[in-house]
Every structure is written in C-alpha cells, then in structure tokens.
C-alpha cells in the first residue's frame, strides 16, 4: 500500500513489533473503541532507525472521530518516541467519499494541523486495479480482493457463495506456504458469512 516507504526501509535488518508498547502508550487515550493497530520499529536505508505506526480500520465502517483518534495516537507516540513516528491508515469502509486524512484545530491563534497518508480499499475496485491485485503474489492483494467482494455481495447471498468458491479455488492454486493458506482461508471464511441455507 505504501511502495515509496517500502523502498526506503532496510529489510535486511528485520522488523521489531512493539504492539505491547503501543498498548501502554494509548491505553488511556480518549477513544471509545480499540482497533488492531501495529507499531513496528524499522531501519531506513539511510541508517537511521524510525518507528512506523500503522492503523488498520478492521471495523470497516465510517467513524466520525477517526481523524481525532489518529491525532491522539500520533501525539502520544511522539511524546514517547519523538519525531520518528509515522501514522498510516487503511480504510476498509464502503463509503467512497469518506477519506479522513487530517486533523486540525485553531483556538485564539493556537493552531495544530496533522496530516496522515491513507489507502482506500474501494480504490482497488476498478477493473485495472482489480487486475493488478490478481497479478500480485502478495498475500495482502488476496486479502483486499476478499474484502472487496464481501462488501460488494453483502445483500446477494448467491453471488457471495459464487465468489467465496472462486476465491477459495484461487487460494488452493496459489503458491503460498501451507500456514499462509490456512490463515488466508480463515480470513475468507470469517469475511464471507453465508446464510445457513447456503452453508
């Protein structure tokens, strides 16, 4: 989703996930819901170490205070780790117009402005982007396709069954390792909920 950033990371030095640290930092943040967030420590090709904070909206729905929550997480992480923190968002909702990517306020001349990059999964629906997903060997390309077809077939159980079968067959024919196939199948089965009459 973020190829420019990906190209700047020295992957030979590995990735250290700091999820427990993230939990400590945002545990008492003023937010009503918690998400599956990731905080990873990576090395850049320039040699400097930076923290990469990735927020994934696993609820896949519009949230009025999303931009504020991203800001809260950012400033709490900044307070702990300094300016090496990046906040990234992947939006999996079904509203094409909802694209929160900034938070700001201005009170009597005191101004704060925060911007963060987003990826909108709905942007992968057009045929040319869908074809790009089909060609990709990245497991997340498969995840996005499953997610999009689940959104598209929410009220069409027969179409949903058809796509579930097709995506399952593709998964069986993919060149993934067995553990990856099992995890991707669990995701497929969890997302493609079918009425009892079709199971």
N, C-alpha and C. Protein backbone atom coordinates (compact mmCIF):
# COMPACT_ATOMS: atom_id res chain seq x y z
N UNK A 1 0.81 -1.21 0.00
CA UNK A 1 0.00 0.00 0.00
C UNK A 1 0.85 1.27 0.00
N UNK A 2 2.05 1.18 0.53
CA UNK A 2 2.93 2.35 0.61
C UNK A 2 4.28 2.01 -0.02
N UNK A 3 4.33 1.85 -1.35
CA UNK A 3 5.56 1.40 -2.01
C UNK A 3 6.75 2.35 -1.84
N UNK A 4 6.50 3.64 -1.79
CA UNK A 4 7.60 4.59 -1.62
C UNK A 4 8.29 4.39 -0.28
N UNK A 5 7.48 4.24 0.76
CA UNK A 5 8.03 3.98 2.09
C UNK A 5 8.73 2.62 2.12
N UNK A 6 8.11 1.62 1.53
CA UNK A 6 8.68 0.28 1.49
C UNK A 6 10.10 0.30 0.91
N UNK A 7 10.28 1.10 -0.11
CA UNK A 7 11.58 1.18 -0.79
C UNK A 7 12.65 1.86 0.07
N UNK A 8 12.24 2.59 1.10
CA UNK A 8 13.19 3.31 1.95
C UNK A 8 13.63 2.50 3.17
N UNK A 9 13.01 1.34 3.39
CA UNK A 9 13.30 0.53 4.57
C UNK A 9 14.37 -0.51 4.27
N UNK A 10 15.30 -0.67 5.21
CA UNK A 10 16.34 -1.69 5.09
C UNK A 10 15.78 -2.99 5.67
N UNK A 11 15.20 -3.82 4.81
CA UNK A 11 14.53 -5.04 5.27
C UNK A 11 15.52 -6.09 5.76
N UNK A 12 16.81 -5.95 5.42
CA UNK A 12 17.81 -6.93 5.88
C UNK A 12 18.02 -6.84 7.38
N UNK A 13 17.65 -5.72 7.98
CA UNK A 13 17.83 -5.54 9.42
C UNK A 13 16.61 -5.98 10.21
N UNK A 14 15.59 -6.48 9.52
CA UNK A 14 14.43 -7.03 10.21
C UNK A 14 13.47 -5.96 10.72
N UNK A 15 12.40 -6.44 11.33
CA UNK A 15 11.35 -5.58 11.87
C UNK A 15 11.08 -6.01 13.30
N UNK A 16 10.99 -5.04 14.18
CA UNK A 16 10.67 -5.33 15.58
C UNK A 16 9.28 -4.76 15.88
N UNK A 17 8.34 -5.63 16.21
CA UNK A 17 6.98 -5.17 16.51
C UNK A 17 6.87 -4.78 17.98
N UNK A 18 6.28 -3.63 18.21
CA UNK A 18 6.18 -3.07 19.56
C UNK A 18 4.72 -2.92 19.98
N UNK A 19 3.92 -3.95 19.72
CA UNK A 19 2.49 -3.85 20.00
C UNK A 19 2.20 -3.63 21.48
N UNK A 20 2.99 -4.27 22.36
CA UNK A 20 2.76 -4.06 23.80
C UNK A 20 3.09 -2.63 24.19
N UNK A 21 4.13 -2.08 23.57
CA UNK A 21 4.47 -0.69 23.82
C UNK A 21 3.34 0.23 23.36
N UNK A 22 2.76 -0.09 22.21
CA UNK A 22 1.66 0.70 21.68
C UNK A 22 0.48 0.67 22.65
N UNK A 23 0.19 -0.50 23.19
CA UNK A 23 -0.92 -0.63 24.14
C UNK A 23 -0.70 0.27 25.34
N UNK A 24 0.53 0.32 25.85
CA UNK A 24 0.83 1.18 27.00
C UNK A 24 0.62 2.65 26.66
N UNK A 25 1.06 3.03 25.48
CA UNK A 25 1.00 4.44 25.08
C UNK A 25 -0.43 4.93 24.92
N UNK A 26 -1.29 4.10 24.33
CA UNK A 26 -2.64 4.57 24.01
C UNK A 26 -3.72 3.96 24.91
N UNK A 27 -3.32 3.25 25.95
CA UNK A 27 -4.27 2.54 26.81
C UNK A 27 -5.37 3.46 27.33
N UNK A 28 -4.98 4.65 27.79
CA UNK A 28 -5.96 5.55 28.36
C UNK A 28 -6.31 6.71 27.43
N UNK A 29 -6.08 6.50 26.13
CA UNK A 29 -6.45 7.54 25.17
C UNK A 29 -7.96 7.74 25.17
N UNK A 30 -8.38 8.95 24.85
CA UNK A 30 -9.81 9.27 24.88
C UNK A 30 -10.46 8.76 23.60
N UNK A 31 -10.65 7.45 23.51
CA UNK A 31 -11.30 6.85 22.37
C UNK A 31 -12.29 5.82 22.87
N UNK A 32 -13.40 5.67 22.16
CA UNK A 32 -14.46 4.78 22.60
C UNK A 32 -14.20 3.33 22.21
N UNK A 33 -13.44 3.12 21.14
CA UNK A 33 -13.20 1.77 20.66
C UNK A 33 -11.72 1.55 20.45
N UNK A 34 -11.32 0.29 20.51
CA UNK A 34 -9.94 -0.06 20.22
C UNK A 34 -9.88 -0.81 18.90
N UNK A 35 -8.76 -0.75 18.24
CA UNK A 35 -8.59 -1.41 16.96
C UNK A 35 -7.37 -2.32 17.02
N UNK A 36 -7.18 -3.11 15.99
CA UNK A 36 -5.96 -3.88 15.85
C UNK A 36 -4.95 -2.96 15.18
N UNK A 37 -4.10 -2.38 16.00
CA UNK A 37 -3.09 -1.45 15.50
C UNK A 37 -1.73 -2.11 15.58
N UNK A 38 -0.82 -1.62 14.78
CA UNK A 38 0.54 -2.14 14.80
C UNK A 38 1.52 -0.99 14.99
N UNK A 39 2.56 -1.26 15.75
CA UNK A 39 3.68 -0.33 15.88
C UNK A 39 4.94 -1.14 15.60
N UNK A 40 5.66 -0.77 14.56
CA UNK A 40 6.84 -1.53 14.17
C UNK A 40 8.05 -0.62 14.13
N UNK A 41 9.17 -1.14 14.63
CA UNK A 41 10.43 -0.41 14.58
C UNK A 41 11.23 -0.95 13.39
N UNK A 42 11.59 -0.06 12.49
CA UNK A 42 12.34 -0.47 11.30
C UNK A 42 13.55 0.45 11.12
N UNK A 43 14.49 -0.01 10.31
CA UNK A 43 15.67 0.78 9.97
C UNK A 43 15.51 1.29 8.54
N UNK A 44 15.84 2.55 8.33
CA UNK A 44 15.82 3.10 6.98
C UNK A 44 17.14 2.81 6.29
N UNK A 45 17.15 2.86 4.98
CA UNK A 45 18.37 2.63 4.21
C UNK A 45 19.42 3.68 4.52
N UNK A 46 19.01 4.83 5.02
CA UNK A 46 19.96 5.88 5.39
C UNK A 46 20.72 5.51 6.66
N UNK A 47 20.26 4.45 7.33
CA UNK A 47 20.93 4.02 8.55
C UNK A 47 20.21 4.44 9.81
N UNK A 48 19.29 5.38 9.72
CA UNK A 48 18.60 5.81 10.92
C UNK A 48 17.44 4.87 11.23
N UNK A 49 17.12 4.80 12.49
CA UNK A 49 16.03 3.96 12.95
C UNK A 49 14.77 4.82 13.04
N UNK A 50 13.66 4.29 12.64
CA UNK A 50 12.42 5.05 12.78
C UNK A 50 11.31 4.10 13.19
N UNK A 51 10.28 4.65 13.77
CA UNK A 51 9.12 3.86 14.16
C UNK A 51 8.03 4.07 13.13
N UNK A 52 7.39 3.00 12.76
CA UNK A 52 6.31 3.07 11.80
C UNK A 52 5.03 2.67 12.51
N UNK A 53 4.10 3.60 12.60
CA UNK A 53 2.83 3.33 13.26
C UNK A 53 1.76 3.14 12.20
N UNK A 54 1.17 1.96 12.17
CA UNK A 54 0.16 1.67 11.15
C UNK A 54 -1.18 1.44 11.82
N UNK A 55 -2.15 2.20 11.41
CA UNK A 55 -3.51 1.98 11.92
C UNK A 55 -4.33 1.30 10.83
N UNK A 56 -4.96 0.19 11.16
CA UNK A 56 -5.81 -0.52 10.22
C UNK A 56 -7.24 -0.51 10.77
N UNK A 57 -8.17 0.03 9.99
CA UNK A 57 -9.56 0.08 10.42
C UNK A 57 -10.23 -1.26 10.13
N UNK A 58 -10.10 -2.20 11.06
CA UNK A 58 -10.64 -3.54 10.82
C UNK A 58 -12.17 -3.57 10.94
N UNK A 59 -12.76 -2.53 11.49
CA UNK A 59 -14.21 -2.46 11.60
C UNK A 59 -14.86 -2.15 10.25
N UNK A 60 -14.10 -1.60 9.35
CA UNK A 60 -14.58 -1.30 8.00
C UNK A 60 -15.84 -0.44 7.99
N UNK A 61 -15.86 0.57 8.83
CA UNK A 61 -17.00 1.47 8.83
C UNK A 61 -16.56 2.90 9.12
N UNK A 62 -17.38 3.83 8.67
CA UNK A 62 -17.10 5.24 8.87
C UNK A 62 -17.14 5.55 10.37
N UNK A 63 -16.19 6.35 10.81
CA UNK A 63 -16.15 6.75 12.22
C UNK A 63 -15.93 8.26 12.28
N UNK A 64 -16.84 8.95 12.92
CA UNK A 64 -16.81 10.41 12.92
C UNK A 64 -15.52 10.98 13.50
N UNK A 65 -14.99 10.36 14.54
CA UNK A 65 -13.81 10.92 15.22
C UNK A 65 -12.52 10.20 14.82
N UNK A 66 -12.51 9.55 13.68
CA UNK A 66 -11.32 8.81 13.25
C UNK A 66 -10.09 9.72 13.17
N UNK A 67 -10.25 10.88 12.54
CA UNK A 67 -9.12 11.79 12.39
C UNK A 67 -8.57 12.24 13.74
N UNK A 68 -9.47 12.49 14.70
CA UNK A 68 -9.03 12.89 16.03
C UNK A 68 -8.29 11.75 16.73
N UNK A 69 -8.77 10.53 16.57
CA UNK A 69 -8.12 9.38 17.19
C UNK A 69 -6.71 9.18 16.62
N UNK A 70 -6.59 9.34 15.29
CA UNK A 70 -5.27 9.23 14.68
C UNK A 70 -4.32 10.29 15.28
N UNK A 71 -4.84 11.50 15.49
CA UNK A 71 -4.04 12.57 16.09
C UNK A 71 -3.64 12.22 17.53
N UNK A 72 -4.59 11.69 18.30
CA UNK A 72 -4.31 11.32 19.69
C UNK A 72 -3.20 10.27 19.75
N UNK A 73 -3.33 9.25 18.93
CA UNK A 73 -2.29 8.21 18.90
C UNK A 73 -0.95 8.81 18.48
N UNK A 74 -0.98 9.69 17.48
CA UNK A 74 0.26 10.30 16.99
C UNK A 74 0.95 11.10 18.08
N UNK A 75 0.22 11.97 18.78
CA UNK A 75 0.92 12.81 19.76
C UNK A 75 1.37 12.01 20.97
N UNK A 76 0.65 10.94 21.31
CA UNK A 76 1.10 10.10 22.41
C UNK A 76 2.37 9.33 22.03
N UNK A 77 2.41 8.86 20.80
CA UNK A 77 3.62 8.18 20.32
C UNK A 77 4.78 9.17 20.18
N UNK A 78 4.48 10.38 19.73
CA UNK A 78 5.50 11.42 19.61
C UNK A 78 6.09 11.73 20.99
N UNK A 79 5.22 11.81 21.98
CA UNK A 79 5.66 12.12 23.34
C UNK A 79 6.65 11.07 23.84
N UNK A 80 6.47 9.84 23.40
CA UNK A 80 7.33 8.74 23.86
C UNK A 80 8.55 8.52 22.97
N UNK A 81 8.37 8.66 21.63
CA UNK A 81 9.42 8.27 20.70
C UNK A 81 10.00 9.42 19.87
N UNK A 82 9.42 10.61 19.96
CA UNK A 82 9.93 11.73 19.16
C UNK A 82 9.36 11.75 17.76
N UNK A 83 10.08 12.43 16.85
CA UNK A 83 9.50 12.70 15.53
C UNK A 83 9.75 11.59 14.51
N UNK A 84 10.16 10.41 14.96
CA UNK A 84 10.37 9.31 14.03
C UNK A 84 9.14 8.44 13.86
N UNK A 85 7.98 8.95 14.19
CA UNK A 85 6.75 8.16 14.12
C UNK A 85 5.95 8.54 12.88
N UNK A 86 5.48 7.54 12.16
CA UNK A 86 4.62 7.77 11.00
C UNK A 86 3.26 7.15 11.27
N UNK A 87 2.21 7.85 11.00
CA UNK A 87 0.86 7.33 11.13
C UNK A 87 0.30 7.08 9.74
N UNK A 88 -0.12 5.85 9.49
CA UNK A 88 -0.67 5.45 8.20
C UNK A 88 -2.03 4.83 8.44
N UNK A 89 -2.96 5.04 7.52
CA UNK A 89 -4.31 4.49 7.69
C UNK A 89 -4.74 3.73 6.45
N UNK A 90 -5.40 2.60 6.68
CA UNK A 90 -6.00 1.81 5.61
C UNK A 90 -7.49 1.75 5.89
N UNK A 91 -8.28 2.32 5.00
CA UNK A 91 -9.72 2.46 5.22
C UNK A 91 -10.49 1.39 4.43
N UNK A 92 -11.22 0.55 5.16
CA UNK A 92 -11.93 -0.55 4.52
C UNK A 92 -13.43 -0.40 4.52
N UNK A 93 -13.92 0.83 4.69
CA UNK A 93 -15.37 1.08 4.73
C UNK A 93 -15.95 1.06 3.32
N UNK A 94 -17.28 1.22 3.25
CA UNK A 94 -17.95 1.17 1.93
C UNK A 94 -18.44 2.53 1.44
N UNK A 95 -17.92 3.61 2.01
CA UNK A 95 -18.32 4.95 1.60
C UNK A 95 -17.18 5.60 0.79
N UNK A 96 -17.33 5.70 -0.54
CA UNK A 96 -16.25 6.24 -1.38
C UNK A 96 -15.83 7.66 -1.02
N UNK A 97 -16.76 8.42 -0.44
CA UNK A 97 -16.48 9.83 -0.16
C UNK A 97 -15.75 10.04 1.16
N UNK A 98 -15.73 9.03 2.03
CA UNK A 98 -15.12 9.20 3.35
C UNK A 98 -13.61 8.96 3.26
N UNK A 99 -12.84 10.04 3.37
CA UNK A 99 -11.39 9.95 3.22
C UNK A 99 -10.70 10.87 4.23
N UNK A 100 -10.84 10.59 5.50
CA UNK A 100 -10.19 11.44 6.51
C UNK A 100 -8.67 11.29 6.44
N UNK A 101 -7.98 12.41 6.30
CA UNK A 101 -6.52 12.35 6.23
C UNK A 101 -5.85 13.49 6.99
N UNK A 102 -6.62 14.18 7.83
CA UNK A 102 -6.02 15.28 8.59
C UNK A 102 -6.88 15.61 9.80
N UNK A 103 -6.25 16.27 10.76
CA UNK A 103 -6.95 16.77 11.94
C UNK A 103 -6.33 18.12 12.28
N UNK A 104 -7.17 19.09 12.55
CA UNK A 104 -6.65 20.40 12.92
C UNK A 104 -7.61 21.13 13.84
N UNK A 105 -7.04 22.06 14.59
CA UNK A 105 -7.87 22.98 15.36
C UNK A 105 -7.13 24.31 15.49
N UNK A 106 -7.91 25.36 15.71
CA UNK A 106 -7.38 26.71 15.80
C UNK A 106 -8.16 27.42 16.89
N UNK A 107 -7.51 27.66 18.02
CA UNK A 107 -8.15 28.33 19.15
C UNK A 107 -7.38 29.60 19.51
N UNK A 108 -7.95 30.73 19.18
CA UNK A 108 -7.37 32.02 19.55
C UNK A 108 -5.91 32.14 19.10
N UNK A 109 -5.64 31.68 17.89
CA UNK A 109 -4.30 31.80 17.33
C UNK A 109 -3.39 30.62 17.62
N UNK A 110 -3.83 29.70 18.47
CA UNK A 110 -3.05 28.48 18.73
C UNK A 110 -3.52 27.42 17.73
N UNK A 111 -2.66 27.08 16.76
CA UNK A 111 -3.07 26.19 15.68
C UNK A 111 -2.29 24.88 15.70
N UNK A 112 -3.01 23.82 15.44
CA UNK A 112 -2.40 22.50 15.28
C UNK A 112 -2.95 21.90 14.00
N UNK A 113 -2.07 21.34 13.17
CA UNK A 113 -2.50 20.70 11.93
C UNK A 113 -1.72 19.41 11.75
N UNK A 114 -2.43 18.31 11.57
CA UNK A 114 -1.82 16.99 11.44
C UNK A 114 -2.38 16.30 10.20
N UNK A 115 -1.51 15.84 9.32
CA UNK A 115 -1.94 15.12 8.12
C UNK A 115 -1.32 13.74 8.11
N UNK A 116 -2.06 12.76 7.61
CA UNK A 116 -1.55 11.40 7.54
C UNK A 116 -1.99 10.76 6.23
N UNK A 117 -1.13 9.91 5.64
CA UNK A 117 -1.49 9.26 4.38
C UNK A 117 -2.52 8.14 4.60
N UNK A 118 -3.39 7.98 3.62
CA UNK A 118 -4.41 6.93 3.71
C UNK A 118 -4.40 6.08 2.44
N UNK A 119 -4.90 4.87 2.58
CA UNK A 119 -5.20 4.00 1.45
C UNK A 119 -6.66 3.62 1.58
N UNK A 120 -7.39 3.81 0.50
CA UNK A 120 -8.81 3.48 0.49
C UNK A 120 -8.97 2.18 -0.31
N UNK A 121 -9.44 1.12 0.33
CA UNK A 121 -9.54 -0.16 -0.36
C UNK A 121 -10.52 -0.13 -1.52
N UNK A 122 -11.54 0.71 -1.42
CA UNK A 122 -12.50 0.82 -2.52
C UNK A 122 -11.84 1.28 -3.82
N UNK A 123 -10.70 1.94 -3.71
CA UNK A 123 -9.99 2.40 -4.90
C UNK A 123 -9.44 1.24 -5.73
N UNK A 124 -9.47 0.04 -5.17
CA UNK A 124 -8.98 -1.13 -5.90
C UNK A 124 -10.11 -1.86 -6.64
N UNK A 125 -11.31 -1.30 -6.65
CA UNK A 125 -12.43 -1.93 -7.35
C UNK A 125 -12.41 -1.79 -8.88
N UNK A 126 -11.95 -0.67 -9.45
CA UNK A 126 -11.96 -0.55 -10.91
C UNK A 126 -11.20 -1.70 -11.57
N UNK A 127 -11.62 -2.11 -12.78
CA UNK A 127 -11.03 -3.28 -13.44
C UNK A 127 -9.49 -3.27 -13.51
N UNK A 128 -8.90 -2.11 -13.80
CA UNK A 128 -7.44 -2.09 -13.94
C UNK A 128 -6.74 -2.32 -12.59
N UNK A 129 -7.34 -1.80 -11.50
CA UNK A 129 -6.76 -2.01 -10.17
C UNK A 129 -7.03 -3.43 -9.69
N UNK A 130 -8.21 -3.96 -10.04
CA UNK A 130 -8.54 -5.34 -9.68
C UNK A 130 -7.57 -6.30 -10.38
N UNK A 131 -7.27 -6.03 -11.63
CA UNK A 131 -6.32 -6.86 -12.39
C UNK A 131 -4.94 -6.82 -11.74
N UNK A 132 -4.59 -5.66 -11.22
CA UNK A 132 -3.31 -5.51 -10.52
C UNK A 132 -3.27 -6.42 -9.28
N UNK A 133 -4.39 -6.49 -8.57
CA UNK A 133 -4.49 -7.37 -7.40
C UNK A 133 -4.38 -8.84 -7.81
N UNK A 134 -5.02 -9.19 -8.91
CA UNK A 134 -4.99 -10.58 -9.39
C UNK A 134 -3.58 -11.01 -9.78
N UNK A 135 -2.80 -10.09 -10.32
CA UNK A 135 -1.43 -10.42 -10.75
C UNK A 135 -0.45 -10.51 -9.59
N UNK A 136 -0.78 -9.86 -8.50
CA UNK A 136 0.15 -9.77 -7.38
C UNK A 136 0.28 -11.11 -6.65
N UNK A 137 1.50 -11.38 -6.18
CA UNK A 137 1.74 -12.58 -5.36
C UNK A 137 1.75 -12.23 -3.87
N UNK A 138 1.51 -10.99 -3.56
CA UNK A 138 1.47 -10.54 -2.17
C UNK A 138 0.18 -11.04 -1.53
N UNK A 139 0.25 -11.75 -0.40
CA UNK A 139 -0.97 -12.25 0.25
C UNK A 139 -1.99 -11.15 0.56
N UNK A 140 -1.52 -9.92 0.77
CA UNK A 140 -2.46 -8.85 1.08
C UNK A 140 -3.29 -8.44 -0.13
N UNK A 141 -2.80 -8.72 -1.32
CA UNK A 141 -3.61 -8.48 -2.53
C UNK A 141 -4.82 -9.41 -2.49
N UNK A 142 -4.61 -10.62 -2.05
CA UNK A 142 -5.72 -11.58 -1.90
C UNK A 142 -6.69 -11.10 -0.82
N UNK A 143 -6.15 -10.64 0.29
CA UNK A 143 -6.98 -10.13 1.40
C UNK A 143 -7.88 -8.99 0.92
N UNK A 144 -7.32 -8.07 0.14
CA UNK A 144 -8.09 -6.94 -0.37
C UNK A 144 -9.20 -7.42 -1.29
N UNK A 145 -8.92 -8.39 -2.15
CA UNK A 145 -9.94 -8.92 -3.05
C UNK A 145 -11.07 -9.57 -2.27
N UNK A 146 -10.73 -10.34 -1.25
CA UNK A 146 -11.75 -10.96 -0.40
C UNK A 146 -12.61 -9.89 0.25
N UNK A 147 -11.96 -8.88 0.80
CA UNK A 147 -12.68 -7.80 1.47
C UNK A 147 -13.63 -7.09 0.51
N UNK A 148 -13.14 -6.74 -0.67
CA UNK A 148 -13.97 -6.00 -1.64
C UNK A 148 -15.16 -6.83 -2.12
N UNK A 149 -14.95 -8.10 -2.39
CA UNK A 149 -16.07 -8.94 -2.85
C UNK A 149 -17.07 -9.19 -1.73
N UNK A 150 -16.60 -9.23 -0.51
CA UNK A 150 -17.53 -9.36 0.63
C UNK A 150 -18.40 -8.11 0.76
N UNK A 151 -17.78 -6.94 0.58
CA UNK A 151 -18.56 -5.69 0.61
C UNK A 151 -19.58 -5.67 -0.52
N UNK A 152 -19.14 -6.05 -1.70
CA UNK A 152 -19.98 -5.99 -2.91
C UNK A 152 -21.17 -6.93 -2.84
N UNK A 153 -21.03 -8.06 -2.14
CA UNK A 153 -22.08 -9.09 -2.15
C UNK A 153 -22.84 -9.18 -0.83
N UNK A 154 -22.80 -8.12 -0.04
CA UNK A 154 -23.44 -8.14 1.28
C UNK A 154 -24.90 -8.59 1.24
N UNK A 155 -25.64 -8.12 0.24
CA UNK A 155 -27.07 -8.44 0.16
C UNK A 155 -27.39 -9.36 -1.01
N UNK A 156 -26.38 -10.08 -1.48
CA UNK A 156 -26.56 -11.00 -2.61
C UNK A 156 -25.97 -12.37 -2.25
N UNK A 157 -26.69 -13.17 -1.47
CA UNK A 157 -26.13 -14.43 -0.96
C UNK A 157 -25.65 -15.39 -2.03
N UNK A 158 -26.34 -15.49 -3.16
CA UNK A 158 -25.90 -16.41 -4.21
C UNK A 158 -24.61 -15.95 -4.87
N UNK A 159 -24.50 -14.63 -5.10
CA UNK A 159 -23.26 -14.07 -5.64
C UNK A 159 -22.11 -14.24 -4.64
N UNK A 160 -22.46 -14.08 -3.36
CA UNK A 160 -21.45 -14.23 -2.31
C UNK A 160 -20.91 -15.66 -2.28
N UNK A 161 -21.82 -16.63 -2.41
CA UNK A 161 -21.41 -18.04 -2.44
C UNK A 161 -20.51 -18.30 -3.65
N UNK A 162 -20.89 -17.75 -4.79
CA UNK A 162 -20.10 -17.92 -6.02
C UNK A 162 -18.69 -17.38 -5.84
N UNK A 163 -18.57 -16.17 -5.28
CA UNK A 163 -17.27 -15.56 -5.10
C UNK A 163 -16.46 -16.27 -4.02
N UNK A 164 -17.13 -16.76 -2.99
CA UNK A 164 -16.41 -17.48 -1.94
C UNK A 164 -15.75 -18.73 -2.53
N UNK A 165 -16.50 -19.45 -3.36
CA UNK A 165 -15.96 -20.66 -4.01
C UNK A 165 -14.79 -20.30 -4.93
N UNK A 166 -14.99 -19.25 -5.74
CA UNK A 166 -13.94 -18.86 -6.69
C UNK A 166 -12.66 -18.44 -5.98
N UNK A 167 -12.81 -17.65 -4.91
CA UNK A 167 -11.65 -17.18 -4.17
C UNK A 167 -10.97 -18.33 -3.42
N UNK A 168 -11.77 -19.30 -2.97
CA UNK A 168 -11.21 -20.46 -2.30
C UNK A 168 -10.38 -21.29 -3.29
N UNK A 169 -10.91 -21.47 -4.49
CA UNK A 169 -10.17 -22.23 -5.51
C UNK A 169 -8.86 -21.54 -5.87
N UNK A 170 -8.90 -20.22 -5.99
CA UNK A 170 -7.67 -19.48 -6.28
C UNK A 170 -6.65 -19.66 -5.17
N UNK A 171 -7.13 -19.66 -3.94
CA UNK A 171 -6.24 -19.82 -2.80
C UNK A 171 -5.55 -21.19 -2.83
N UNK A 172 -6.31 -22.21 -3.18
CA UNK A 172 -5.75 -23.57 -3.26
C UNK A 172 -4.69 -23.69 -4.35
N UNK A 173 -4.81 -22.88 -5.38
CA UNK A 173 -3.88 -22.94 -6.51
C UNK A 173 -2.72 -21.96 -6.37
N UNK A 174 -2.77 -21.13 -5.34
CA UNK A 174 -1.72 -20.11 -5.15
C UNK A 174 -0.43 -20.76 -4.65
N UNK A 175 0.67 -20.06 -4.85
CA UNK A 175 1.98 -20.58 -4.43
C UNK A 175 2.34 -20.10 -3.03
N UNK A 176 1.37 -20.11 -2.12
CA UNK A 176 1.65 -19.73 -0.74
C UNK A 176 2.05 -20.98 0.05
N UNK A 177 2.73 -20.76 1.17
CA UNK A 177 3.06 -21.87 2.06
C UNK A 177 1.79 -22.31 2.79
N UNK A 178 1.77 -23.53 3.25
CA UNK A 178 0.58 -24.09 3.89
C UNK A 178 0.05 -23.21 5.04
N UNK A 179 0.93 -22.74 5.96
CA UNK A 179 0.41 -21.89 7.05
C UNK A 179 -0.28 -20.62 6.53
N UNK A 180 0.28 -20.04 5.46
CA UNK A 180 -0.33 -18.84 4.87
C UNK A 180 -1.70 -19.17 4.29
N UNK A 181 -1.79 -20.32 3.61
CA UNK A 181 -3.07 -20.72 3.01
C UNK A 181 -4.13 -20.90 4.10
N UNK A 182 -3.74 -21.52 5.20
CA UNK A 182 -4.70 -21.74 6.30
C UNK A 182 -5.17 -20.42 6.90
N UNK A 183 -4.23 -19.49 7.09
CA UNK A 183 -4.61 -18.18 7.65
C UNK A 183 -5.50 -17.42 6.69
N UNK A 184 -5.18 -17.45 5.40
CA UNK A 184 -5.99 -16.74 4.40
C UNK A 184 -7.36 -17.38 4.28
N UNK A 185 -7.42 -18.71 4.40
CA UNK A 185 -8.73 -19.36 4.35
C UNK A 185 -9.58 -18.95 5.56
N UNK A 186 -8.96 -18.88 6.73
CA UNK A 186 -9.71 -18.44 7.92
C UNK A 186 -10.29 -17.04 7.70
N UNK A 187 -9.49 -16.19 7.10
CA UNK A 187 -9.96 -14.83 6.82
C UNK A 187 -11.12 -14.87 5.83
N UNK A 188 -10.98 -15.63 4.76
CA UNK A 188 -12.04 -15.77 3.75
C UNK A 188 -13.33 -16.26 4.39
N UNK A 189 -13.23 -17.29 5.22
CA UNK A 189 -14.41 -17.87 5.84
C UNK A 189 -15.05 -16.91 6.83
N UNK A 190 -14.23 -16.12 7.52
CA UNK A 190 -14.73 -15.16 8.50
C UNK A 190 -15.45 -14.00 7.82
N UNK A 191 -14.92 -13.54 6.69
CA UNK A 191 -15.48 -12.38 5.99
C UNK A 191 -16.71 -12.75 5.18
N UNK A 192 -16.68 -13.89 4.52
CA UNK A 192 -17.79 -14.31 3.66
C UNK A 192 -18.83 -15.10 4.45
N UNK A 193 -19.55 -14.41 5.30
CA UNK A 193 -20.61 -15.07 6.07
C UNK A 193 -21.78 -15.35 5.14
N UNK A 194 -22.25 -16.61 5.18
CA UNK A 194 -23.36 -17.03 4.31
C UNK A 194 -24.56 -17.41 5.16
N UNK A 195 -25.78 -17.26 4.62
CA UNK A 195 -26.95 -17.74 5.34
C UNK A 195 -26.87 -19.26 5.53
N UNK A 196 -27.51 -19.77 6.57
CA UNK A 196 -27.43 -21.21 6.88
C UNK A 196 -27.88 -22.08 5.71
N UNK A 197 -28.82 -21.56 4.93
CA UNK A 197 -29.34 -22.35 3.81
C UNK A 197 -28.28 -22.60 2.74
N UNK A 198 -27.20 -21.81 2.73
CA UNK A 198 -26.16 -21.94 1.72
C UNK A 198 -24.86 -22.53 2.28
N UNK A 199 -24.87 -22.88 3.54
CA UNK A 199 -23.62 -23.44 4.13
C UNK A 199 -23.67 -24.95 4.16
